[in-house]
Protein backbone atom coordinates (compact mmCIF):
# COMPACT_ATOMS: atom_id res chain seq x y z
CA MET A 1 -2.24 25.68 -34.79
CA ASP A 2 -3.87 28.33 -32.62
CA HIS A 3 -1.87 28.34 -29.38
CA ASP A 4 -5.06 28.83 -27.33
CA LEU A 5 -6.48 25.58 -28.70
CA THR A 6 -3.55 23.27 -27.93
CA GLY A 7 -4.12 20.32 -25.61
CA TRP A 8 -2.08 21.97 -22.88
CA ASN A 9 -4.19 25.10 -22.68
CA ARG A 10 -7.45 23.14 -22.68
CA THR A 11 -6.33 20.57 -20.08
CA LYS A 12 -8.31 20.58 -16.84
CA LEU A 13 -7.62 18.92 -13.51
CA ARG A 14 -10.39 16.38 -14.13
CA HIS A 15 -8.48 15.12 -17.16
CA LEU A 16 -5.37 14.44 -15.08
CA HIS A 17 -7.40 12.82 -12.27
CA CYS A 18 -9.04 10.62 -14.89
CA VAL A 19 -5.72 9.46 -16.35
CA LEU A 20 -4.19 8.75 -12.93
CA ALA A 21 -7.21 6.78 -11.73
CA ILE A 22 -7.32 4.61 -14.86
CA ALA A 23 -3.60 3.91 -14.66
CA SER A 24 -3.75 3.12 -10.94
CA HIS A 25 -6.67 0.69 -11.19
CA GLY A 26 -6.04 -0.72 -14.66
CA HIS A 27 -9.79 -0.99 -15.13
CA MET A 28 -12.35 1.57 -16.29
CA GLY A 29 -15.09 0.44 -13.91
CA ARG A 30 -12.90 0.46 -10.80
CA ALA A 31 -11.38 3.81 -11.78
CA ALA A 32 -14.84 5.34 -12.21
CA HIS A 33 -15.91 3.99 -8.82
CA ALA A 34 -12.81 5.46 -7.16
CA LEU A 35 -13.56 8.87 -8.70
CA GLY A 36 -17.24 8.71 -7.75
CA ILE A 37 -18.49 9.03 -11.34
CA SER A 38 -20.14 6.71 -13.86
CA GLN A 39 -18.07 4.63 -16.26
CA PRO A 40 -19.59 6.35 -19.34
CA ALA A 41 -18.63 9.73 -17.84
CA LEU A 42 -15.07 8.53 -17.30
CA SER A 43 -14.85 7.16 -20.85
CA LYS A 44 -16.13 10.47 -22.20
CA THR A 45 -13.54 12.45 -20.22
CA LEU A 46 -10.73 10.17 -21.43
CA SER A 47 -11.85 10.41 -25.07
CA GLU A 48 -12.09 14.18 -24.77
CA PHE A 49 -8.56 14.39 -23.35
CA GLU A 50 -7.10 12.06 -26.00
CA ASP A 51 -8.76 14.12 -28.76
CA MET A 52 -7.31 17.30 -27.27
CA LEU A 53 -3.80 15.84 -27.16
CA GLY A 54 -4.06 14.04 -30.47
CA VAL A 55 -2.67 10.78 -29.01
CA ARG A 56 -4.08 7.59 -27.56
CA LEU A 57 -3.24 7.28 -23.84
CA PHE A 58 -4.62 3.80 -23.10
CA THR A 59 -5.43 0.59 -24.90
CA ARG A 60 -7.99 -1.93 -23.70
CA SER A 61 -7.34 -5.65 -23.53
CA ARG A 62 -8.88 -8.70 -21.88
CA SER A 63 -6.66 -8.16 -18.85
CA GLY A 64 -7.72 -4.52 -18.39
CA VAL A 65 -6.57 -1.08 -19.48
CA VAL A 66 -2.89 -0.47 -20.27
CA ALA A 67 -1.11 2.84 -20.80
CA THR A 68 0.39 3.44 -24.23
CA GLU A 69 3.90 4.81 -24.64
CA ALA A 70 2.45 8.33 -24.72
CA GLY A 71 0.33 7.54 -21.68
CA GLN A 72 3.35 6.35 -19.74
CA VAL A 73 5.19 9.59 -20.50
CA LEU A 74 2.25 11.65 -19.26
CA LEU A 75 1.85 9.53 -16.12
CA GLY A 76 5.47 10.19 -15.22
CA TYR A 77 4.54 13.83 -14.62
CA ALA A 78 0.83 13.95 -13.79
CA GLY A 79 0.85 12.63 -10.20
CA SER A 80 3.67 14.81 -8.92
CA SER A 81 2.28 17.82 -10.78
CA LEU A 82 -1.05 17.57 -9.00
CA ARG A 83 0.63 17.14 -5.64
CA THR A 84 2.92 20.11 -6.29
CA LEU A 85 -0.10 22.22 -7.24
CA ARG A 86 -1.86 21.24 -3.99
CA GLU A 87 1.22 22.21 -2.01
CA GLY A 88 1.40 25.55 -3.81
CA LEU A 89 -2.23 26.26 -3.01
CA ASP A 90 -1.63 25.28 0.61
CA HIS A 91 1.32 27.66 0.82
CA VAL A 92 -0.68 30.52 -0.70
CA SER A 93 -3.50 29.84 1.75
CA SER A 94 -1.16 29.64 4.74
CA ALA A 95 0.43 32.97 3.78
CA VAL A 96 -2.94 34.55 4.51
CA ARG A 97 -3.96 32.15 7.27
CA PRO A 98 -0.85 30.53 8.83
CA GLU A 99 -1.38 26.88 9.62
CA ALA A 100 0.75 23.93 10.63
CA PRO A 101 2.13 21.77 7.78
CA THR A 102 0.23 18.60 6.86
CA ILE A 103 1.77 15.27 5.87
CA ALA A 104 -0.27 12.46 4.36
CA PHE A 105 1.20 8.98 4.15
CA GLY A 106 0.05 5.42 3.60
CA ALA A 107 1.10 2.30 5.50
CA LEU A 108 0.32 -1.38 5.50
CA PRO A 109 -1.36 -2.63 8.71
CA THR A 110 1.82 -4.36 9.87
CA VAL A 111 3.90 -1.20 9.43
CA ALA A 112 1.17 0.89 11.05
CA GLN A 113 1.76 -1.01 14.29
CA THR A 114 5.55 -0.94 14.28
CA VAL A 115 7.74 1.48 12.30
CA ALA A 116 5.18 4.18 11.48
CA PRO A 117 4.21 5.15 15.07
CA GLU A 118 7.84 5.27 16.18
CA ALA A 119 8.82 7.41 13.18
CA VAL A 120 5.97 9.86 13.83
CA ARG A 121 6.89 10.01 17.53
CA MET A 122 10.48 10.95 16.67
CA PHE A 123 9.36 13.46 14.06
CA ARG A 124 6.96 15.24 16.43
CA GLN A 125 9.77 15.95 18.86
CA LYS A 126 10.97 18.56 16.36
CA TRP A 127 7.71 19.39 14.56
CA PRO A 128 5.00 19.03 17.24
CA ALA A 129 2.40 21.12 15.42
CA THR A 130 2.43 19.06 12.21
CA ARG A 131 -0.86 17.50 11.20
CA PHE A 132 -0.88 13.92 9.90
CA LYS A 133 -3.29 12.08 7.64
CA VAL A 134 -2.53 8.36 7.88
CA HIS A 135 -4.07 5.98 5.35
CA ILE A 136 -4.04 2.27 6.22
CA GLY A 137 -4.83 -0.28 3.52
CA VAL A 138 -3.53 -2.79 1.00
CA ASN A 139 -0.48 -1.93 -1.05
CA ALA A 140 -2.27 -1.52 -4.40
CA GLU A 141 -4.78 0.98 -2.99
CA LEU A 142 -2.08 3.02 -1.27
CA LEU A 143 0.10 3.02 -4.39
CA ALA A 144 -2.84 4.45 -6.33
CA LEU A 145 -3.15 7.25 -3.75
CA LEU A 146 0.57 7.98 -4.06
CA LYS A 147 0.45 8.20 -7.85
CA ARG A 148 -2.58 10.49 -7.68
CA GLY A 149 -0.66 12.78 -5.33
CA GLU A 150 -3.06 12.24 -2.41
CA ILE A 151 -0.30 10.99 -0.11
CA ASP A 152 3.36 11.98 0.16
CA LEU A 153 4.86 8.54 0.70
CA LEU A 154 4.01 4.89 1.17
CA LEU A 155 5.35 2.41 3.70
CA GLY A 156 4.61 -0.95 2.18
CA ARG A 157 5.68 -3.78 -0.06
CA LEU A 158 7.49 -3.72 -3.39
CA ALA A 159 4.85 -3.64 -6.11
CA ASP A 160 5.00 -5.50 -9.41
CA PRO A 161 7.51 -3.83 -11.79
CA SER A 162 4.68 -2.92 -14.17
CA GLU A 163 3.12 -0.79 -11.41
CA MET A 164 6.31 1.12 -10.53
CA LEU A 165 6.18 3.69 -13.31
CA GLY A 166 6.83 7.14 -11.86
CA VAL A 167 7.75 5.89 -8.38
CA SER A 168 10.87 4.57 -6.64
CA TYR A 169 11.26 1.95 -3.93
CA GLU A 170 13.79 1.81 -1.08
CA HIS A 171 14.10 -1.44 0.89
CA LEU A 172 14.03 -0.87 4.66
CA TYR A 173 13.79 -4.31 6.29
CA ALA A 174 12.45 -7.83 5.81
CA GLU A 175 9.22 -8.98 7.48
CA ASP A 176 8.36 -12.61 8.20
CA VAL A 177 4.95 -14.20 7.89
CA VAL A 178 3.98 -16.22 10.97
CA ILE A 179 1.13 -18.57 11.81
CA VAL A 180 -0.77 -17.83 15.02
CA VAL A 181 -3.62 -19.51 16.91
CA ARG A 182 -5.52 -19.06 20.15
CA PRO A 183 -3.97 -20.26 23.43
CA GLY A 184 -4.93 -23.89 24.02
CA HIS A 185 -5.20 -24.68 20.32
CA PRO A 186 -4.29 -28.34 19.55
CA LEU A 187 -1.36 -27.23 17.37
CA ALA A 188 -0.04 -24.82 20.02
CA ARG A 189 1.11 -27.74 22.18
CA MET A 190 3.23 -29.31 19.44
CA PRO A 191 7.02 -28.67 19.65
CA ILE A 192 7.24 -28.73 15.84
CA VAL A 193 4.32 -28.20 13.48
CA GLU A 194 4.74 -29.71 10.04
CA PRO A 195 2.88 -27.89 7.25
CA HIS A 196 0.61 -30.85 6.49
CA ALA A 197 -0.79 -30.59 10.03
CA LEU A 198 -2.32 -27.21 9.10
CA SER A 199 -4.60 -28.60 6.39
CA PRO A 200 -7.62 -29.66 8.54
CA TYR A 201 -8.02 -26.20 10.08
CA CYS A 202 -9.77 -23.15 8.69
CA MET A 203 -7.09 -20.76 7.40
CA MET A 204 -7.35 -17.00 7.90
CA LEU A 205 -5.62 -15.48 4.86
CA PRO A 206 -4.94 -12.01 3.41
CA LEU A 207 -6.79 -11.08 0.23
CA PRO A 208 -5.60 -12.53 -3.10
CA ALA A 209 -3.28 -10.41 -5.25
CA THR A 210 -1.59 -8.85 -2.20
CA ALA A 211 2.17 -9.25 -1.79
CA ILE A 212 1.84 -11.09 1.52
CA ARG A 213 -0.68 -13.51 0.00
CA HIS A 214 1.76 -14.36 -2.78
CA SER A 215 4.30 -15.41 -0.13
CA ILE A 216 1.74 -17.52 1.71
CA ASP A 217 0.48 -19.22 -1.46
CA SER A 218 4.08 -20.06 -2.38
CA PHE A 219 4.59 -21.58 1.07
CA LEU A 220 1.44 -23.71 0.77
CA ILE A 221 2.37 -24.91 -2.71
CA ARG A 222 6.00 -25.59 -1.81
CA SER A 223 5.03 -27.60 1.26
CA SER A 224 2.16 -29.41 -0.54
CA THR A 225 -0.27 -28.11 2.09
CA SER A 226 -3.92 -28.24 1.05
CA ILE A 227 -6.74 -26.13 2.44
CA GLU A 228 -9.09 -28.87 3.57
CA GLY A 229 -10.67 -26.93 6.42
CA GLY A 230 -11.75 -23.99 4.29
CA SER A 231 -10.49 -20.43 4.41
CA ILE A 232 -11.51 -16.88 5.29
CA GLU A 233 -9.93 -14.05 3.30
CA THR A 234 -9.76 -10.62 4.90
CA MET A 235 -7.53 -7.61 5.39
CA SER A 236 -9.26 -6.71 8.66
CA ASP A 237 -6.90 -7.46 11.54
CA SER A 238 -9.61 -6.85 14.12
CA PHE A 239 -11.95 -9.40 12.52
CA ALA A 240 -9.19 -11.97 12.07
CA ARG A 241 -7.90 -11.50 15.62
CA THR A 242 -11.36 -11.87 17.19
CA TYR A 243 -12.28 -14.88 15.07
CA VAL A 244 -9.03 -16.74 15.67
CA GLN A 245 -9.16 -16.14 19.43
CA SER A 246 -12.63 -17.70 19.57
CA SER A 247 -12.14 -20.65 17.19
CA ASP A 248 -9.63 -23.23 15.98
CA ALA A 249 -8.79 -21.22 12.88
CA ILE A 250 -5.14 -20.52 12.08
CA TRP A 251 -3.98 -17.09 10.95
CA PHE A 252 -1.22 -16.40 8.41
CA ILE A 253 -0.10 -12.84 9.06
CA ALA A 254 2.97 -10.56 9.01
CA VAL A 255 4.73 -10.76 12.35
CA GLY A 256 4.53 -7.04 13.03
CA THR A 257 0.74 -7.20 13.17
CA VAL A 258 0.66 -9.73 16.01
CA GLU A 259 3.88 -9.08 17.95
CA GLN A 260 2.04 -7.50 20.86
CA ASP A 261 -0.58 -10.28 20.89
CA ILE A 262 2.17 -12.91 21.10
CA ALA A 263 3.96 -10.98 23.85
CA ARG A 264 0.74 -10.71 25.87
CA GLY A 265 -0.10 -14.37 25.33
CA THR A 266 -3.44 -13.68 23.64
CA LEU A 267 -2.16 -15.41 20.51
CA VAL A 268 0.41 -18.19 20.15
CA ARG A 269 2.91 -18.48 17.33
CA LEU A 270 3.09 -21.98 15.92
CA ALA A 271 6.46 -23.71 15.69
CA CYS A 272 6.17 -24.01 11.91
CA ASP A 273 9.06 -23.12 9.63
CA THR A 274 7.93 -20.09 7.57
CA ARG A 275 11.36 -18.64 6.85
CA HIS A 276 10.78 -18.61 3.09
CA THR A 277 7.78 -16.28 3.43
CA THR A 278 9.95 -13.27 4.25
CA GLY A 279 9.05 -10.18 2.22
CA SER A 280 10.58 -6.76 1.72
CA VAL A 281 9.05 -3.74 3.45
CA GLY A 282 10.15 -0.39 2.14
CA LEU A 283 9.53 3.22 1.26
CA THR A 284 7.81 4.12 -2.01
CA LEU A 285 8.05 7.71 -3.27
CA ARG A 286 7.14 9.54 -6.43
CA SER A 287 10.21 9.84 -8.64
CA ASP A 288 9.81 13.51 -9.47
CA GLY A 289 8.38 16.66 -7.94
CA VAL A 290 9.40 18.98 -5.13
CA ARG A 291 9.51 17.37 -1.67
CA PRO A 292 8.74 19.67 1.29
CA GLN A 293 11.26 19.79 4.12
CA VAL A 294 8.83 18.26 6.62
CA VAL A 295 8.35 15.22 4.36
CA THR A 296 12.11 14.82 3.95
CA GLU A 297 12.56 14.89 7.72
CA LEU A 298 9.78 12.33 8.22
CA ILE A 299 11.55 10.07 5.73
CA ASP A 300 14.73 10.35 7.80
CA CYS A 301 12.78 9.35 10.93
CA ILE A 302 11.27 6.39 9.07
CA ARG A 303 14.72 5.18 8.06
CA ILE A 304 15.95 5.43 11.66
CA ALA A 305 12.90 3.56 13.02
CA ALA A 306 13.20 0.90 10.31
CA ALA A 307 16.90 0.41 11.02
CA ALA A 308 16.16 -0.06 14.73
CA ARG A 309 13.55 -2.68 13.91
CA ARG A 310 15.88 -4.45 11.51
CA HIS A 311 18.69 -4.57 14.06
CA ALA A 312 16.35 -5.78 16.82
CA ARG A 313 15.12 -8.66 14.65
CA GLU A 314 18.66 -9.61 13.64
CA ALA A 315 19.89 -9.63 17.24
């Protein structure tokens, strides 16, 4: 075979972006939307890449698009390779035009209000000129950014094992789900709130398929609690907070998101036993690739901030 015509020499960045997007979303339509191109254009790029390599990278099924064995091997390298290339280009650029280092990371809303700010505060004491790009969102979206090399690390929940290819997870602390209402709510005056008492009220819930929602659904099923009063599903804390404070709705949410509200008295935590809704919060990183020193030091600060939170909650 002519060396100049091998798949490697003909591979372009758009091919790698295509593969990473499809793997991250598990769906051709959603991957195309994320890349800002049409689905036929994405399918054409994938077919072109597979023909170049001489292997099939994905198979389609009723449940979505799944990476083949060859696709999984490629995915193990693609994300970190793109990120490493970006860092190399940044370093070349900064050699001509010196600039402060940039760190991009993702965090769940609950972590964005607790561990993340404290970790960044500690980090900036040593690296005050560092620029940060902070992405807040649901775990699946942030994990996709991590695999595509658009962020350096993720502070979030443990994803499904099938989604952990090419990344590693380090448990930092456990986070409880609590139920909060407005001051003066009928349930707020009760010394103990049994789960069945929640049923008549509108429930503010995280979106389906999120890790926190799985915990809440398990709680509702285990306690035989029905949703008679309807529900509102959202990942917007500002919407949920405003709605709950002006209605009789009840909000299922990770405690870190509403700690300050509870302390200020603008929201009231119900005396309902939600101990079994505890979920792991941790650090997700790509398994391979070179990690800049500034990222390594931020990780150390995150571990310190997480340990302080864990000890404070255990005390």
